[in-house]
Amino acid sequence: MNCDRECNGCHKTKERSEEEYSGLINRLSRIEGQIRGIRGMVERNAYCPDILTQVAAANAALNGFTKELLANHIKTCVADDIRAGQDEVIDELVGLLQKLMK
């Protein structure tokens, strides 16, 4: 199982493959760069529609990250737990989806 559920009261953890880890970190680095760029635009008093266009691009990138992470979670942690008879993971997933859809 890829998800570590026994951590004595701390948050759950997940061991990721090097490929998954690299992909997520690369996406986050690009998003971080976009956010720094937006900050720079505000600091330079850029035109509002230009800033808003970049904000929309950053939101789309963050949504892409969320979709990738969610898909990986379902394919690994959720599937492994269901196979192990831990059906409570379904309630956890439903709660997570409700938070993401706000």
Protein backbone atom coordinates (compact mmCIF):
# COMPACT_ATOMS: atom_id res chain seq x y z
CA MET A 1 0.00 0.00 0.00
CA ASN A 2 1.31 3.46 -0.88
CA CYS A 3 -0.48 5.37 1.90
CA ASP A 4 0.90 5.38 5.43
CA ARG A 5 -2.02 5.42 7.84
CA GLU A 6 -0.08 4.56 11.01
CA CYS A 7 1.59 7.75 12.14
CA ASN A 8 0.44 8.04 15.78
CA GLY A 9 -1.95 10.97 15.50
CA CYS A 10 -0.12 12.95 12.83
CA HIS A 11 -1.44 13.60 9.34
CA LYS A 12 -1.51 10.71 6.91
CA THR A 13 1.36 10.47 4.44
CA LYS A 14 1.87 8.93 1.02
CA GLU A 15 4.99 7.53 -0.55
CA ARG A 16 5.13 8.74 -4.16
CA SER A 17 7.09 7.33 -7.06
CA GLU A 18 9.91 9.50 -8.36
CA GLU A 19 7.88 10.14 -11.53
CA GLU A 20 4.77 11.24 -9.62
CA TYR A 21 6.83 13.39 -7.25
CA SER A 22 8.73 15.09 -10.07
CA GLY A 23 5.58 15.76 -12.06
CA LEU A 24 3.81 17.37 -9.11
CA ILE A 25 6.84 19.43 -8.06
CA ASN A 26 7.36 20.65 -11.64
CA ARG A 27 3.73 21.75 -11.88
CA LEU A 28 3.96 23.55 -8.54
CA SER A 29 7.17 25.30 -9.59
CA ARG A 30 5.48 26.61 -12.73
CA ILE A 31 2.49 27.79 -10.70
CA GLU A 32 4.79 29.46 -8.21
CA GLY A 33 6.47 31.29 -11.09
CA GLN A 34 3.10 32.40 -12.40
CA ILE A 35 2.15 33.78 -8.99
CA ARG A 36 5.46 35.66 -8.72
CA GLY A 37 4.78 37.08 -12.18
CA ILE A 38 1.34 38.27 -11.10
CA ARG A 39 2.83 39.92 -8.03
CA GLY A 40 5.35 41.67 -10.27
CA MET A 41 2.54 42.91 -12.49
CA VAL A 42 0.75 44.39 -9.48
CA GLU A 43 3.99 45.98 -8.25
CA ARG A 44 4.49 47.53 -11.73
CA ASN A 45 0.90 48.81 -11.80
CA ALA A 46 -0.01 46.68 -14.81
CA TYR A 47 -3.42 47.09 -16.43
CA CYS A 48 -6.12 45.16 -14.51
CA PRO A 49 -7.32 43.01 -17.45
CA ASP A 50 -3.73 41.90 -18.09
CA ILE A 51 -3.34 40.84 -14.45
CA LEU A 52 -6.72 39.10 -14.46
CA THR A 53 -5.74 37.15 -17.58
CA GLN A 54 -2.65 35.89 -15.77
CA VAL A 55 -4.70 35.06 -12.67
CA ALA A 56 -7.01 32.96 -14.84
CA ALA A 57 -4.00 31.12 -16.27
CA ALA A 58 -2.66 30.46 -12.74
CA ASN A 59 -6.08 29.18 -11.64
CA ALA A 60 -6.20 26.84 -14.63
CA ALA A 61 -2.71 25.55 -13.79
CA LEU A 62 -3.70 24.97 -10.16
CA ASN A 63 -6.85 23.16 -11.29
CA GLY A 64 -4.68 20.94 -13.49
CA PHE A 65 -2.47 20.14 -10.49
CA THR A 66 -5.57 19.33 -8.42
CA LYS A 67 -6.91 16.96 -11.09
CA GLU A 68 -3.58 15.14 -11.38
CA LEU A 69 -3.21 14.77 -7.61
CA LEU A 70 -6.82 13.62 -7.20
CA ALA A 71 -6.46 11.04 -9.97
CA ASN A 72 -3.27 9.69 -8.38
CA HIS A 73 -4.99 9.54 -4.98
CA ILE A 74 -7.95 7.58 -6.35
CA LYS A 75 -5.74 5.19 -8.33
CA THR A 76 -3.50 4.41 -5.36
CA CYS A 77 -4.75 5.17 -1.85
CA VAL A 78 -8.48 4.86 -2.48
CA ALA A 79 -8.22 1.75 -4.67
CA ASP A 80 -5.79 0.06 -2.25
CA ASP A 81 -8.03 0.79 0.74
CA ILE A 82 -11.16 -0.49 -0.99
CA ARG A 83 -9.33 -3.68 -1.98
CA ALA A 84 -8.27 -4.06 1.67
CA GLY A 85 -11.91 -3.77 2.79
CA GLN A 86 -11.51 -0.27 4.24
CA ASP A 87 -14.73 1.15 2.80
CA GLU A 88 -14.56 4.24 5.05
CA VAL A 89 -12.18 5.67 2.45
CA ILE A 90 -15.24 6.20 0.24
CA ASP A 91 -16.74 8.61 2.79
CA GLU A 92 -13.39 10.38 3.00
CA LEU A 93 -13.30 10.72 -0.80
CA VAL A 94 -16.89 12.02 -0.93
CA GLY A 95 -16.03 14.63 1.71
CA LEU A 96 -12.93 15.63 -0.23
CA LEU A 97 -14.91 16.00 -3.48
CA GLN A 98 -17.49 18.15 -1.70
CA LYS A 99 -14.70 20.47 -0.47
CA LEU A 100 -13.18 20.66 -3.95
CA MET A 101 -16.51 21.52 -5.56
CA LYS A 102 -17.26 24.56 -3.38
